[in-house]
N, C-alpha and C. Protein backbone atom coordinates (compact mmCIF):
# COMPACT_ATOMS: atom_id res chain seq x y z
N UNK A 1 -0.69 49.31 -58.86
CA UNK A 1 -0.23 50.02 -59.85
C UNK A 1 0.85 49.16 -60.68
N UNK A 2 0.71 49.47 -62.07
CA UNK A 2 1.85 48.66 -62.97
C UNK A 2 3.04 49.56 -62.95
N UNK A 3 4.12 49.10 -62.57
CA UNK A 3 5.45 49.81 -62.23
C UNK A 3 6.40 49.17 -63.16
N UNK A 4 7.19 49.76 -64.12
CA UNK A 4 8.09 49.25 -64.88
C UNK A 4 9.50 49.95 -64.24
N UNK A 5 10.56 49.17 -64.13
CA UNK A 5 11.73 49.53 -63.47
C UNK A 5 12.69 49.33 -64.60
N UNK A 6 13.10 50.26 -65.37
CA UNK A 6 13.89 50.37 -66.57
C UNK A 6 15.47 50.24 -65.93
N UNK A 7 16.18 49.19 -66.35
CA UNK A 7 17.43 49.03 -65.76
C UNK A 7 17.35 48.45 -64.37
N UNK A 8 16.20 47.54 -64.24
CA UNK A 8 15.94 46.91 -62.97
C UNK A 8 16.70 45.67 -62.66
N UNK A 9 17.65 45.44 -63.50
CA UNK A 9 18.35 44.36 -63.04
C UNK A 9 19.82 44.36 -62.33
N UNK A 10 19.88 45.72 -61.82
CA UNK A 10 20.99 45.97 -60.85
C UNK A 10 20.80 47.18 -59.94
N UNK A 11 21.74 47.44 -59.02
CA UNK A 11 21.81 48.62 -58.27
C UNK A 11 20.56 48.83 -57.54
N UNK A 12 19.96 49.99 -57.61
CA UNK A 12 18.80 50.16 -56.84
C UNK A 12 17.42 49.72 -57.32
N UNK A 13 17.62 49.23 -58.60
CA UNK A 13 16.52 48.37 -59.19
C UNK A 13 16.02 47.16 -58.33
N UNK A 14 17.03 46.61 -58.00
CA UNK A 14 16.69 45.31 -57.10
C UNK A 14 15.75 45.65 -55.82
N UNK A 15 16.28 46.51 -55.01
CA UNK A 15 15.61 46.87 -53.84
C UNK A 15 14.07 47.59 -54.14
N UNK A 16 14.14 48.27 -55.22
CA UNK A 16 12.91 48.99 -55.42
C UNK A 16 11.82 47.98 -56.01
N UNK A 17 12.33 46.93 -56.90
CA UNK A 17 11.68 45.82 -57.27
C UNK A 17 10.81 44.91 -56.17
N UNK A 18 11.86 44.52 -55.31
CA UNK A 18 11.48 43.65 -54.12
C UNK A 18 10.42 44.29 -53.20
N UNK A 19 10.59 45.50 -52.82
CA UNK A 19 9.75 46.30 -51.95
C UNK A 19 8.41 46.66 -52.74
N UNK A 20 8.47 47.29 -53.98
CA UNK A 20 7.20 47.56 -54.67
C UNK A 20 6.37 46.51 -54.96
N UNK A 21 6.98 45.45 -55.40
CA UNK A 21 6.00 44.17 -55.86
C UNK A 21 5.26 43.57 -54.71
N UNK A 22 5.40 44.18 -53.46
CA UNK A 22 4.47 43.58 -52.46
C UNK A 22 2.99 44.15 -52.69
N UNK A 23 3.00 45.41 -53.17
CA UNK A 23 1.54 45.87 -53.44
C UNK A 23 1.36 46.32 -54.79
N UNK A 24 2.26 46.04 -55.77
CA UNK A 24 2.03 46.54 -57.07
C UNK A 24 2.43 45.39 -58.20
N UNK A 25 2.22 45.77 -59.39
CA UNK A 25 2.51 44.88 -60.57
C UNK A 25 3.88 45.36 -61.10
N UNK A 26 4.93 44.55 -60.87
CA UNK A 26 6.21 45.15 -60.92
C UNK A 26 6.87 44.53 -62.37
N UNK A 27 7.35 45.33 -63.22
CA UNK A 27 8.04 44.62 -64.56
C UNK A 27 9.50 45.13 -64.45
N UNK A 28 10.28 44.17 -64.60
CA UNK A 28 11.64 44.59 -64.67
C UNK A 28 12.17 44.80 -66.26
N UNK A 29 12.65 45.94 -66.54
CA UNK A 29 13.19 46.12 -68.04
C UNK A 29 14.57 46.16 -67.98
N UNK A 30 15.10 45.66 -69.26
CA UNK A 30 16.39 45.70 -69.81
C UNK A 30 16.71 45.75 -71.08
N UNK A 31 17.84 46.04 -71.53
CA UNK A 31 18.06 46.16 -73.14
C UNK A 31 17.90 44.70 -73.65
N UNK A 32 18.30 43.75 -72.79
CA UNK A 32 18.20 42.41 -73.07
C UNK A 32 17.25 41.73 -72.31
N UNK A 33 15.89 41.42 -72.95
CA UNK A 33 14.79 40.89 -72.45
C UNK A 33 15.18 39.49 -71.62
N UNK A 34 16.09 38.70 -72.01
CA UNK A 34 16.53 37.59 -71.51
C UNK A 34 16.97 37.96 -70.04
N UNK A 35 17.88 38.92 -69.93
CA UNK A 35 18.48 39.21 -68.72
C UNK A 35 17.34 39.94 -67.66
N UNK A 36 16.46 40.29 -68.22
CA UNK A 36 15.36 40.94 -67.40
C UNK A 36 14.66 39.73 -66.83
N UNK A 37 14.17 38.85 -67.73
CA UNK A 37 13.57 37.58 -67.24
C UNK A 37 14.27 36.91 -66.11
N UNK A 38 15.71 36.91 -66.36
CA UNK A 38 16.38 36.13 -65.40
C UNK A 38 16.53 36.89 -63.93
N UNK A 39 16.54 38.14 -63.92
CA UNK A 39 16.46 39.15 -62.82
C UNK A 39 15.20 39.01 -62.13
N UNK A 40 13.96 38.85 -62.93
CA UNK A 40 12.66 38.74 -62.32
C UNK A 40 12.54 37.39 -61.66
N UNK A 41 13.02 36.31 -62.25
CA UNK A 41 12.98 35.01 -61.59
C UNK A 41 13.84 35.14 -60.29
N UNK A 42 14.93 35.71 -60.21
CA UNK A 42 15.76 35.56 -58.96
C UNK A 42 14.86 36.33 -57.88
N UNK A 43 14.48 37.55 -58.28
CA UNK A 43 13.58 38.34 -57.33
C UNK A 43 12.56 37.65 -56.60
N UNK A 44 11.80 36.89 -57.66
CA UNK A 44 10.72 36.14 -57.23
C UNK A 44 10.95 35.01 -56.18
N UNK A 45 12.13 34.40 -56.47
CA UNK A 45 12.64 33.50 -55.51
C UNK A 45 12.87 34.06 -54.10
N UNK A 46 13.29 35.21 -54.10
CA UNK A 46 13.57 35.93 -52.73
C UNK A 46 12.24 36.10 -52.09
N UNK A 47 11.15 36.68 -53.02
CA UNK A 47 9.93 36.98 -52.35
C UNK A 47 9.14 35.67 -51.93
N UNK A 48 9.30 34.62 -52.82
CA UNK A 48 8.52 33.46 -52.66
C UNK A 48 9.17 32.74 -51.12
N UNK A 49 10.45 32.86 -51.04
CA UNK A 49 11.08 32.35 -49.60
C UNK A 49 10.26 32.93 -48.51
N UNK A 50 9.93 34.30 -48.66
CA UNK A 50 9.46 34.83 -47.50
C UNK A 50 7.77 34.89 -47.45
N UNK A 51 7.35 34.26 -48.39
CA UNK A 51 5.87 33.94 -48.44
C UNK A 51 5.08 35.14 -49.03
N UNK A 52 5.84 35.87 -49.81
CA UNK A 52 5.20 37.05 -50.46
C UNK A 52 4.87 36.89 -51.90
N UNK A 53 4.00 37.66 -52.42
CA UNK A 53 3.61 37.64 -53.74
C UNK A 53 4.90 37.79 -54.75
N UNK A 54 4.80 36.71 -55.67
CA UNK A 54 5.98 36.46 -56.30
C UNK A 54 5.78 36.54 -57.89
N UNK A 55 5.22 37.75 -58.43
CA UNK A 55 4.77 37.71 -59.75
C UNK A 55 5.56 38.89 -60.56
N UNK A 56 6.71 39.00 -60.28
CA UNK A 56 7.33 40.10 -60.98
C UNK A 56 7.65 39.48 -62.29
N UNK A 57 7.59 40.41 -63.37
CA UNK A 57 7.85 40.01 -64.81
C UNK A 57 9.10 40.56 -65.41
N UNK A 58 9.78 40.00 -66.46
CA UNK A 58 10.86 40.59 -67.02
C UNK A 58 10.54 40.77 -68.36
N UNK A 59 10.96 41.89 -69.06
CA UNK A 59 10.58 42.19 -70.43
C UNK A 59 11.90 43.15 -70.98
N UNK A 60 11.74 43.35 -72.32
CA UNK A 60 12.77 44.54 -72.82
C UNK A 60 12.25 45.89 -72.30
N UNK A 61 13.13 46.66 -72.36
CA UNK A 61 12.76 48.04 -71.70
C UNK A 61 11.65 48.77 -72.32
N UNK A 62 11.51 48.66 -73.67
CA UNK A 62 10.37 49.24 -74.47
C UNK A 62 9.01 48.55 -74.11
N UNK A 63 8.85 47.15 -74.00
CA UNK A 63 7.80 46.42 -73.60
C UNK A 63 7.38 46.74 -72.15
N UNK A 64 8.56 46.71 -71.42
CA UNK A 64 8.15 47.17 -69.88
C UNK A 64 7.43 48.41 -69.76
N UNK A 65 8.06 49.56 -70.37
CA UNK A 65 7.44 50.74 -70.32
C UNK A 65 6.13 50.86 -70.78
N UNK A 66 5.94 50.16 -71.97
CA UNK A 66 4.31 50.11 -72.64
C UNK A 66 3.41 49.70 -71.65
N UNK A 67 3.75 48.73 -70.93
CA UNK A 67 2.87 48.03 -70.10
C UNK A 67 2.65 48.52 -68.67
N UNK A 68 3.37 49.74 -68.54
CA UNK A 68 3.36 50.46 -67.11
C UNK A 68 2.61 51.60 -67.08
N UNK A 69 2.05 51.98 -65.66
CA UNK A 69 1.71 53.30 -65.53
C UNK A 69 2.61 54.26 -65.02
N UNK A 70 3.55 53.74 -64.35
CA UNK A 70 4.81 54.54 -63.80
C UNK A 70 6.04 53.68 -64.21
N UNK A 71 7.08 54.54 -64.53
CA UNK A 71 8.24 54.00 -65.10
C UNK A 71 9.28 54.66 -64.38
N UNK A 72 10.12 53.72 -63.70
CA UNK A 72 11.46 54.23 -62.89
C UNK A 72 12.68 54.15 -63.56
N UNK A 73 13.34 55.15 -63.87
CA UNK A 73 14.49 55.12 -64.76
C UNK A 73 15.69 54.78 -63.85
N UNK A 74 15.98 53.37 -63.55
CA UNK A 74 16.97 52.95 -62.71
C UNK A 74 18.26 52.80 -63.41
N UNK A 75 18.69 53.70 -64.24
CA UNK A 75 20.02 53.45 -64.98
C UNK A 75 21.02 54.48 -64.66
N UNK A 76 22.24 54.38 -65.14
CA UNK A 76 23.33 55.06 -64.85
C UNK A 76 23.10 56.50 -65.53
N UNK A 77 23.62 57.73 -64.97
CA UNK A 77 23.36 58.85 -65.53
C UNK A 77 23.86 58.97 -67.08
N UNK A 78 25.08 58.24 -67.32
CA UNK A 78 25.58 58.45 -68.75
C UNK A 78 24.58 57.92 -69.79
N UNK A 79 23.75 56.90 -69.50
CA UNK A 79 22.85 56.29 -70.45
C UNK A 79 21.42 56.61 -70.29
N UNK A 80 21.16 57.66 -69.32
CA UNK A 80 19.75 58.10 -69.12
C UNK A 80 19.08 58.64 -70.40
N UNK A 81 19.62 59.73 -70.92
CA UNK A 81 19.09 60.22 -72.23
C UNK A 81 18.78 59.33 -73.43
N UNK A 82 20.05 58.59 -73.58
CA UNK A 82 19.93 57.65 -74.62
C UNK A 82 18.68 56.47 -74.44
N UNK A 83 18.53 56.11 -73.12
CA UNK A 83 17.45 55.22 -72.89
C UNK A 83 16.38 55.72 -73.13
N UNK A 84 16.00 57.15 -72.72
CA UNK A 84 14.69 57.77 -72.87
C UNK A 84 14.56 57.94 -74.33
N UNK A 85 15.50 58.24 -75.18
CA UNK A 85 15.41 58.37 -76.48
C UNK A 85 14.86 57.15 -77.15
N UNK A 86 15.52 55.97 -76.78
CA UNK A 86 15.03 54.61 -77.42
C UNK A 86 13.66 54.35 -77.10
N UNK A 87 13.12 54.63 -75.96
CA UNK A 87 11.85 54.52 -75.25
C UNK A 87 10.92 55.26 -76.17
N UNK A 88 11.14 56.72 -76.51
CA UNK A 88 10.39 57.44 -77.25
C UNK A 88 10.37 56.99 -78.66
N UNK A 89 11.32 56.44 -79.19
CA UNK A 89 11.38 56.18 -80.65
C UNK A 89 10.48 54.86 -80.83
N UNK A 90 10.43 53.97 -79.64
CA UNK A 90 9.67 52.99 -79.71
C UNK A 90 8.25 53.18 -79.45
N UNK A 91 7.85 54.30 -79.22
CA UNK A 91 6.56 54.75 -78.99
C UNK A 91 6.22 54.27 -77.53
N UNK A 92 6.99 53.88 -76.62
CA UNK A 92 6.80 53.44 -75.22
C UNK A 92 6.38 54.25 -74.30
N UNK A 93 6.56 55.59 -74.47
CA UNK A 93 6.32 56.54 -73.42
C UNK A 93 5.17 57.49 -73.90
N UNK A 94 3.98 57.54 -73.42
CA UNK A 94 2.82 58.39 -73.83
C UNK A 94 2.36 59.32 -72.70
N UNK A 95 1.72 58.72 -71.71
CA UNK A 95 1.16 59.56 -70.59
C UNK A 95 1.66 59.14 -69.29
N UNK A 96 2.65 58.27 -69.09
CA UNK A 96 3.14 57.74 -67.95
C UNK A 96 3.66 58.51 -66.90
N UNK A 97 3.87 58.34 -65.63
CA UNK A 97 4.73 58.83 -64.79
C UNK A 97 6.12 58.26 -64.82
N UNK A 98 7.31 59.35 -65.20
CA UNK A 98 8.60 58.71 -65.17
C UNK A 98 9.27 59.25 -63.91
N UNK A 99 9.72 58.36 -63.17
CA UNK A 99 10.41 58.57 -61.94
C UNK A 99 12.01 58.60 -62.04
N UNK A 100 12.77 59.73 -61.76
CA UNK A 100 14.18 59.39 -61.90
C UNK A 100 14.90 59.57 -60.53
N UNK A 101 15.55 58.62 -60.20
CA UNK A 101 16.54 58.76 -58.94
C UNK A 101 17.81 58.94 -59.41
N UNK A 102 18.05 59.49 -60.78
CA UNK A 102 19.46 59.57 -61.21
C UNK A 102 20.26 60.72 -60.72
N UNK A 103 21.62 60.54 -60.61
CA UNK A 103 22.47 61.67 -60.16
C UNK A 103 23.64 61.77 -60.96
N UNK A 104 23.88 62.95 -61.34
CA UNK A 104 25.31 63.02 -62.21
C UNK A 104 26.33 63.28 -61.33
N UNK A 105 27.37 62.34 -61.23
CA UNK A 105 28.40 62.57 -60.27
C UNK A 105 29.59 61.71 -60.83
N UNK A 106 30.67 62.09 -60.43
CA UNK A 106 32.00 61.51 -60.84
C UNK A 106 32.53 60.90 -59.60
N UNK A 107 33.54 60.04 -59.74
CA UNK A 107 34.03 59.53 -58.62
C UNK A 107 35.68 59.08 -58.71
N UNK A 108 36.50 60.39 -58.93
CA UNK A 108 37.93 59.99 -59.01
C UNK A 108 38.44 59.31 -57.75
N UNK A 109 38.15 59.72 -56.40
CA UNK A 109 38.38 59.20 -55.30
C UNK A 109 37.26 59.31 -54.45
N UNK A 110 36.81 60.61 -54.00
CA UNK A 110 35.35 60.66 -53.45
C UNK A 110 34.44 61.10 -54.39
N UNK A 111 33.13 61.09 -54.24
CA UNK A 111 32.32 61.45 -55.25
C UNK A 111 32.07 63.10 -55.40
N UNK A 112 31.76 63.50 -56.51
CA UNK A 112 31.51 64.98 -56.79
C UNK A 112 30.36 65.04 -57.38
N UNK A 113 29.42 65.95 -57.29
CA UNK A 113 28.26 66.26 -57.84
C UNK A 113 28.67 67.04 -59.30
N UNK A 114 28.30 66.43 -60.42
CA UNK A 114 28.78 67.01 -61.49
C UNK A 114 27.50 67.25 -62.66
N UNK A 115 26.84 68.39 -62.42
CA UNK A 115 25.73 68.33 -63.14
C UNK A 115 25.87 68.76 -64.43
N UNK A 116 25.11 68.56 -65.38
CA UNK A 116 24.95 69.25 -66.95
C UNK A 116 24.66 70.67 -66.80
N UNK A 117 25.10 71.24 -67.91
CA UNK A 117 24.80 72.80 -67.96
C UNK A 117 23.41 73.11 -67.60
N UNK A 118 22.36 72.26 -67.77
CA UNK A 118 21.01 72.68 -67.48
C UNK A 118 20.70 72.55 -65.90
N UNK A 119 21.76 72.05 -65.16
CA UNK A 119 21.54 72.12 -63.76
C UNK A 119 21.30 70.94 -63.13
N UNK A 120 20.78 69.77 -63.65
CA UNK A 120 20.44 68.56 -62.96
C UNK A 120 20.22 67.59 -64.16
N UNK A 121 20.33 66.17 -63.68
CA UNK A 121 19.84 65.08 -64.59
C UNK A 121 18.30 65.10 -64.63
N UNK A 122 17.52 65.46 -63.95
CA UNK A 122 16.31 65.68 -64.00
C UNK A 122 15.80 66.64 -65.18
N UNK A 123 16.48 67.70 -65.17
CA UNK A 123 16.05 68.67 -66.19
C UNK A 123 16.55 68.12 -67.63
N UNK A 124 17.66 67.35 -67.57
CA UNK A 124 18.25 66.96 -68.79
C UNK A 124 17.28 65.76 -69.39
N UNK A 125 16.67 64.90 -68.50
CA UNK A 125 15.60 64.10 -68.83
C UNK A 125 14.40 64.75 -69.42
N UNK A 126 13.94 65.68 -68.74
CA UNK A 126 12.74 66.38 -69.14
C UNK A 126 12.79 66.98 -70.46
N UNK A 127 13.95 67.23 -70.88
CA UNK A 127 14.21 67.92 -72.25
C UNK A 127 13.94 66.84 -73.38
N UNK A 128 13.97 65.57 -72.98
CA UNK A 128 13.72 64.71 -74.25
C UNK A 128 12.33 63.56 -74.04
N UNK A 129 11.66 64.09 -72.97
CA UNK A 129 10.37 63.09 -72.86
C UNK A 129 9.29 63.70 -73.75
N UNK A 130 8.42 62.86 -74.06
CA UNK A 130 7.30 63.17 -74.98
C UNK A 130 6.32 64.14 -74.14
N UNK A 131 5.47 65.03 -74.85
CA UNK A 131 4.51 65.82 -74.10
C UNK A 131 3.36 64.75 -73.45
N UNK A 132 3.05 65.00 -72.35
CA UNK A 132 1.95 64.10 -71.71
C UNK A 132 2.74 63.25 -70.63
N UNK A 133 3.85 63.12 -70.75
CA UNK A 133 4.84 62.28 -69.84
C UNK A 133 5.18 63.14 -68.58
N UNK A 134 4.90 62.76 -67.40
CA UNK A 134 4.98 63.42 -66.22
C UNK A 134 6.26 63.11 -65.40
N UNK A 135 7.11 64.00 -65.30
CA UNK A 135 8.31 63.60 -64.66
C UNK A 135 8.45 63.70 -63.25
N UNK A 136 8.94 63.08 -62.43
CA UNK A 136 9.06 63.02 -60.99
C UNK A 136 10.44 62.71 -60.46
N UNK A 137 10.88 63.46 -59.63
CA UNK A 137 12.43 63.34 -59.19
C UNK A 137 12.44 62.97 -57.54
N UNK A 138 12.97 61.72 -57.41
CA UNK A 138 12.95 61.31 -56.04
C UNK A 138 13.88 60.01 -55.99
N UNK A 139 14.01 59.39 -54.91
CA UNK A 139 14.80 58.04 -54.37
C UNK A 139 16.29 58.34 -54.45
N UNK A 140 16.79 59.56 -54.85
CA UNK A 140 18.21 59.59 -54.94
C UNK A 140 19.06 59.38 -53.60
N UNK A 141 18.41 59.51 -52.46
CA UNK A 141 19.00 59.48 -51.22
C UNK A 141 18.88 57.95 -50.65
N UNK A 142 18.27 57.18 -51.28
CA UNK A 142 18.06 55.72 -50.81
C UNK A 142 19.34 54.80 -51.20
N UNK A 143 19.79 54.32 -50.07
CA UNK A 143 21.13 53.44 -50.40
C UNK A 143 20.70 52.07 -50.80
N UNK A 144 21.05 51.74 -52.02
CA UNK A 144 20.82 50.51 -52.77
C UNK A 144 20.96 49.36 -51.85
N UNK A 145 22.08 49.09 -51.25
CA UNK A 145 22.34 47.84 -50.37
C UNK A 145 21.16 47.59 -49.38
N UNK A 146 20.70 48.53 -48.60
CA UNK A 146 19.82 48.52 -47.64
C UNK A 146 18.71 48.38 -48.28
N UNK A 147 18.29 49.21 -49.33
CA UNK A 147 16.96 48.90 -50.07
C UNK A 147 16.62 47.49 -50.32
N UNK A 148 17.70 46.75 -50.90
CA UNK A 148 17.51 45.35 -51.19
C UNK A 148 17.47 44.41 -50.19
N UNK A 149 17.84 44.90 -48.93
CA UNK A 149 17.70 44.03 -47.72
C UNK A 149 16.30 44.15 -46.99
N UNK A 150 15.48 43.23 -47.30
CA UNK A 150 14.06 43.34 -46.69
C UNK A 150 13.95 43.40 -45.29
N UNK A 151 15.09 42.94 -44.81
CA UNK A 151 14.93 42.83 -43.26
C UNK A 151 15.28 44.20 -42.65
N UNK A 152 15.82 45.24 -43.46
CA UNK A 152 16.08 46.52 -43.09
C UNK A 152 14.75 47.48 -43.09
N UNK A 153 14.39 47.90 -42.14
CA UNK A 153 13.14 48.64 -42.05
C UNK A 153 13.43 50.12 -42.62
N UNK A 154 14.61 50.42 -42.80
CA UNK A 154 14.86 51.80 -43.39
C UNK A 154 14.93 53.00 -42.39
N UNK A 155 13.66 53.57 -42.26
CA UNK A 155 13.57 54.70 -41.33
C UNK A 155 14.08 56.04 -41.89
N UNK A 156 13.87 56.19 -43.05
CA UNK A 156 14.46 57.34 -43.82
C UNK A 156 13.39 58.35 -44.25
N UNK A 157 13.72 59.43 -44.67
CA UNK A 157 12.71 60.28 -45.43
C UNK A 157 13.22 60.41 -47.00
N UNK A 158 12.37 60.52 -47.92
CA UNK A 158 12.72 60.72 -49.08
C UNK A 158 12.07 62.07 -49.59
N UNK A 159 12.66 62.75 -50.52
CA UNK A 159 12.13 64.05 -51.07
C UNK A 159 11.72 63.89 -52.32
N UNK A 160 10.39 64.29 -52.66
CA UNK A 160 9.81 64.00 -53.91
C UNK A 160 9.44 65.44 -54.66
N UNK A 161 9.92 65.56 -55.96
CA UNK A 161 9.70 66.83 -56.63
C UNK A 161 9.04 66.67 -57.98
N UNK A 162 8.30 67.45 -58.22
CA UNK A 162 7.39 67.33 -59.47
C UNK A 162 6.88 68.62 -59.86
N UNK A 163 6.55 68.73 -61.14
CA UNK A 163 5.69 69.92 -61.53
C UNK A 163 4.24 69.63 -61.36
N UNK A 164 3.91 68.39 -61.60
CA UNK A 164 2.56 67.83 -61.64
C UNK A 164 2.12 67.25 -60.33
N UNK A 165 1.25 67.98 -59.71
CA UNK A 165 1.00 67.72 -58.30
C UNK A 165 0.37 66.29 -58.18
N UNK A 166 -0.40 65.82 -58.94
CA UNK A 166 -1.12 64.53 -58.80
C UNK A 166 -0.02 63.47 -59.04
N UNK A 167 0.99 63.57 -59.96
CA UNK A 167 2.00 62.54 -59.98
C UNK A 167 2.87 62.56 -58.80
N UNK A 168 3.01 63.84 -58.27
CA UNK A 168 3.81 63.95 -57.02
C UNK A 168 3.19 63.10 -55.90
N UNK A 169 1.95 63.32 -55.71
CA UNK A 169 1.32 62.58 -54.74
C UNK A 169 1.29 61.18 -54.84
N UNK A 170 1.04 60.70 -56.14
CA UNK A 170 1.07 59.34 -56.51
C UNK A 170 2.47 58.74 -56.11
N UNK A 171 3.58 59.27 -56.41
CA UNK A 171 4.88 58.65 -56.31
C UNK A 171 5.23 59.05 -54.72
N UNK A 172 4.72 59.84 -53.88
CA UNK A 172 4.69 60.03 -52.52
C UNK A 172 4.19 58.77 -51.89
N UNK A 173 3.03 58.45 -52.46
CA UNK A 173 2.45 57.09 -51.88
C UNK A 173 3.38 55.79 -52.24
N UNK A 174 3.91 55.63 -53.15
CA UNK A 174 4.67 54.62 -53.47
C UNK A 174 5.91 54.60 -52.76
N UNK A 175 6.64 55.65 -52.42
CA UNK A 175 7.74 55.80 -51.62
C UNK A 175 7.57 55.26 -50.20
N UNK A 176 6.28 55.61 -49.71
CA UNK A 176 5.89 55.24 -48.34
C UNK A 176 5.61 53.71 -48.35
N UNK A 177 5.46 52.94 -49.53
CA UNK A 177 5.22 51.52 -49.54
C UNK A 177 6.61 50.72 -49.41
N UNK A 178 7.64 51.50 -49.49
CA UNK A 178 9.12 50.84 -49.35
C UNK A 178 9.46 50.32 -48.20
N UNK A 179 8.90 50.90 -47.09
CA UNK A 179 9.14 50.43 -45.54
C UNK A 179 8.91 51.83 -44.80
N UNK A 180 9.60 51.76 -43.60
CA UNK A 180 9.38 52.99 -42.85
C UNK A 180 10.04 54.15 -43.54
N UNK A 181 9.13 54.86 -44.36
CA UNK A 181 9.77 55.93 -45.09
C UNK A 181 8.57 56.95 -44.98
N UNK A 182 9.24 58.39 -44.77
CA UNK A 182 8.26 59.27 -44.79
C UNK A 182 8.71 60.16 -46.23
N UNK A 183 7.56 60.35 -47.09
CA UNK A 183 7.85 61.05 -48.11
C UNK A 183 7.45 62.52 -48.05
N UNK A 184 8.52 63.46 -48.48
CA UNK A 184 8.34 65.00 -48.07
C UNK A 184 8.16 65.57 -49.35
N UNK A 185 7.31 66.55 -49.48
CA UNK A 185 7.12 67.37 -50.67
C UNK A 185 8.41 68.25 -50.96
N UNK A 186 9.15 68.11 -51.85
CA UNK A 186 10.27 68.90 -52.28
C UNK A 186 10.08 70.01 -53.15
N UNK A 187 8.75 70.29 -53.57
CA UNK A 187 8.60 71.42 -54.57
C UNK A 187 8.55 70.88 -55.94
N UNK A 188 8.82 71.85 -57.00
CA UNK A 188 8.74 71.73 -58.37
C UNK A 188 10.07 70.98 -58.80
N UNK A 189 10.29 70.56 -60.01
CA UNK A 189 11.41 70.19 -60.54
C UNK A 189 12.73 71.10 -60.58
N UNK A 190 12.30 72.34 -60.45
CA UNK A 190 13.40 73.35 -60.13
C UNK A 190 14.20 73.09 -58.89
N UNK A 191 13.71 72.41 -57.98
CA UNK A 191 14.58 72.08 -56.79
C UNK A 191 15.41 70.60 -56.92
N UNK A 192 15.13 69.93 -57.99
CA UNK A 192 15.88 68.67 -58.35
C UNK A 192 17.51 68.82 -57.93
N UNK A 193 18.04 69.81 -58.55
CA UNK A 193 19.52 69.88 -58.10
C UNK A 193 19.92 69.90 -56.77
N UNK A 194 19.10 70.31 -55.87
CA UNK A 194 19.43 70.30 -54.45
C UNK A 194 19.35 69.03 -54.11
N UNK A 195 18.33 68.20 -54.43
CA UNK A 195 18.07 66.91 -54.05
C UNK A 195 19.34 65.79 -54.60
N UNK A 196 19.56 66.08 -55.81
CA UNK A 196 20.58 65.19 -56.51
C UNK A 196 21.92 65.35 -55.90
N UNK A 197 22.31 66.72 -55.34
CA UNK A 197 23.55 66.81 -54.93
C UNK A 197 23.69 66.08 -53.33
N UNK A 198 22.59 65.67 -52.75
CA UNK A 198 22.79 65.08 -51.56
C UNK A 198 23.58 63.58 -51.69
N UNK A 199 23.37 63.02 -52.84
CA UNK A 199 23.85 61.70 -53.04
C UNK A 199 25.28 61.48 -52.84
N UNK A 200 26.11 62.30 -53.62
CA UNK A 200 27.45 62.19 -53.37
C UNK A 200 28.05 62.61 -52.06
N UNK A 201 27.17 63.54 -51.38
CA UNK A 201 27.78 63.84 -49.95
C UNK A 201 27.37 62.77 -49.03
N UNK A 202 26.19 61.98 -49.09
CA UNK A 202 25.98 60.75 -48.25
C UNK A 202 27.06 59.78 -48.48
N UNK A 203 27.40 59.53 -49.73
CA UNK A 203 28.51 58.50 -50.17
C UNK A 203 29.68 58.77 -49.48
N UNK A 204 30.13 60.16 -49.54
CA UNK A 204 31.52 60.52 -49.05
C UNK A 204 31.41 60.46 -47.47
N UNK A 205 30.40 60.78 -46.92
CA UNK A 205 30.28 60.73 -45.47
C UNK A 205 30.42 59.21 -45.11
N UNK A 206 29.88 58.32 -45.65
CA UNK A 206 29.83 56.94 -45.30
C UNK A 206 31.38 56.47 -45.54
N UNK A 207 32.10 56.85 -46.57
CA UNK A 207 33.25 56.40 -46.96
C UNK A 207 34.51 57.03 -45.77
N UNK A 208 34.25 58.41 -45.56
CA UNK A 208 35.03 58.96 -44.57
C UNK A 208 34.96 58.44 -43.28
N UNK A 209 33.73 58.18 -42.99
CA UNK A 209 33.29 57.78 -41.34
C UNK A 209 33.26 56.07 -41.28
N UNK A 210 33.61 55.41 -42.38
CA UNK A 210 33.47 54.02 -42.34
C UNK A 210 32.23 53.38 -41.93
N UNK A 211 31.18 53.89 -42.22
CA UNK A 211 29.85 53.41 -41.78
C UNK A 211 29.27 52.80 -42.92
N UNK A 212 28.06 52.04 -42.55
CA UNK A 212 27.15 51.41 -43.63
C UNK A 212 26.58 52.56 -44.49
N UNK A 213 26.17 52.25 -45.49
CA UNK A 213 25.44 53.29 -46.46
C UNK A 213 24.47 54.14 -45.68
N UNK A 214 24.75 55.41 -45.85
CA UNK A 214 23.89 56.45 -45.17
C UNK A 214 22.55 56.96 -45.93
N UNK A 215 21.53 57.41 -45.16
CA UNK A 215 20.51 58.18 -45.93
C UNK A 215 20.07 59.33 -45.13
N UNK A 216 18.99 59.94 -45.06
CA UNK A 216 18.61 61.11 -44.35
C UNK A 216 17.39 60.97 -43.70
N UNK A 217 17.23 61.68 -42.42
CA UNK A 217 16.07 61.77 -41.62
C UNK A 217 15.92 63.20 -41.27
N UNK A 218 14.94 64.06 -41.41
CA UNK A 218 14.81 65.21 -41.00
C UNK A 218 14.04 65.35 -39.65
N UNK A 219 14.61 65.96 -38.63
CA UNK A 219 14.09 66.02 -37.30
C UNK A 219 14.19 67.42 -36.84
């Protein structure tokens, strides 16, 4: 599958790129195409050292989205809507699946879930996407440092929410390519606030208990 990771030069983008590139055509997007190309080159070096397929490409956000079937919005909450607006104005979003792992939260000392009036970052993003684009909410509970460590088998569950069942099934399949991951159907996008609120909880638990980054496993 052709997957664009918008904001793929940092944080969760790195781990998603490295892991999804094993079975997909991954494109790193950035506002600065040169920065995207540099990140893609660095990720390819990691993959090549492991004898893996090393053909990640780097482009501007707009070109990355235009060339993809699925677009992962791996940007900070504060720039999510402006980023989607820019993609819309460039005609970069038509009928792709857009995947959002975005969480609205503040961090004065510990993290706090700070949803917009509509209730979730997912719903806020839905309000600005063009007709035909299918939104999927997932990956909020994946800890970025562990995702980027290819020696970590993970062993987590991820919850996937979407209104479009075909898009949900596709993204559940992508989630299970990341490692020892079980993708669980979390229902419609109305459930997204419940999933987004787990992220600050996990971060705070790790801070308070002085553990490595935490995720979830339902048993």
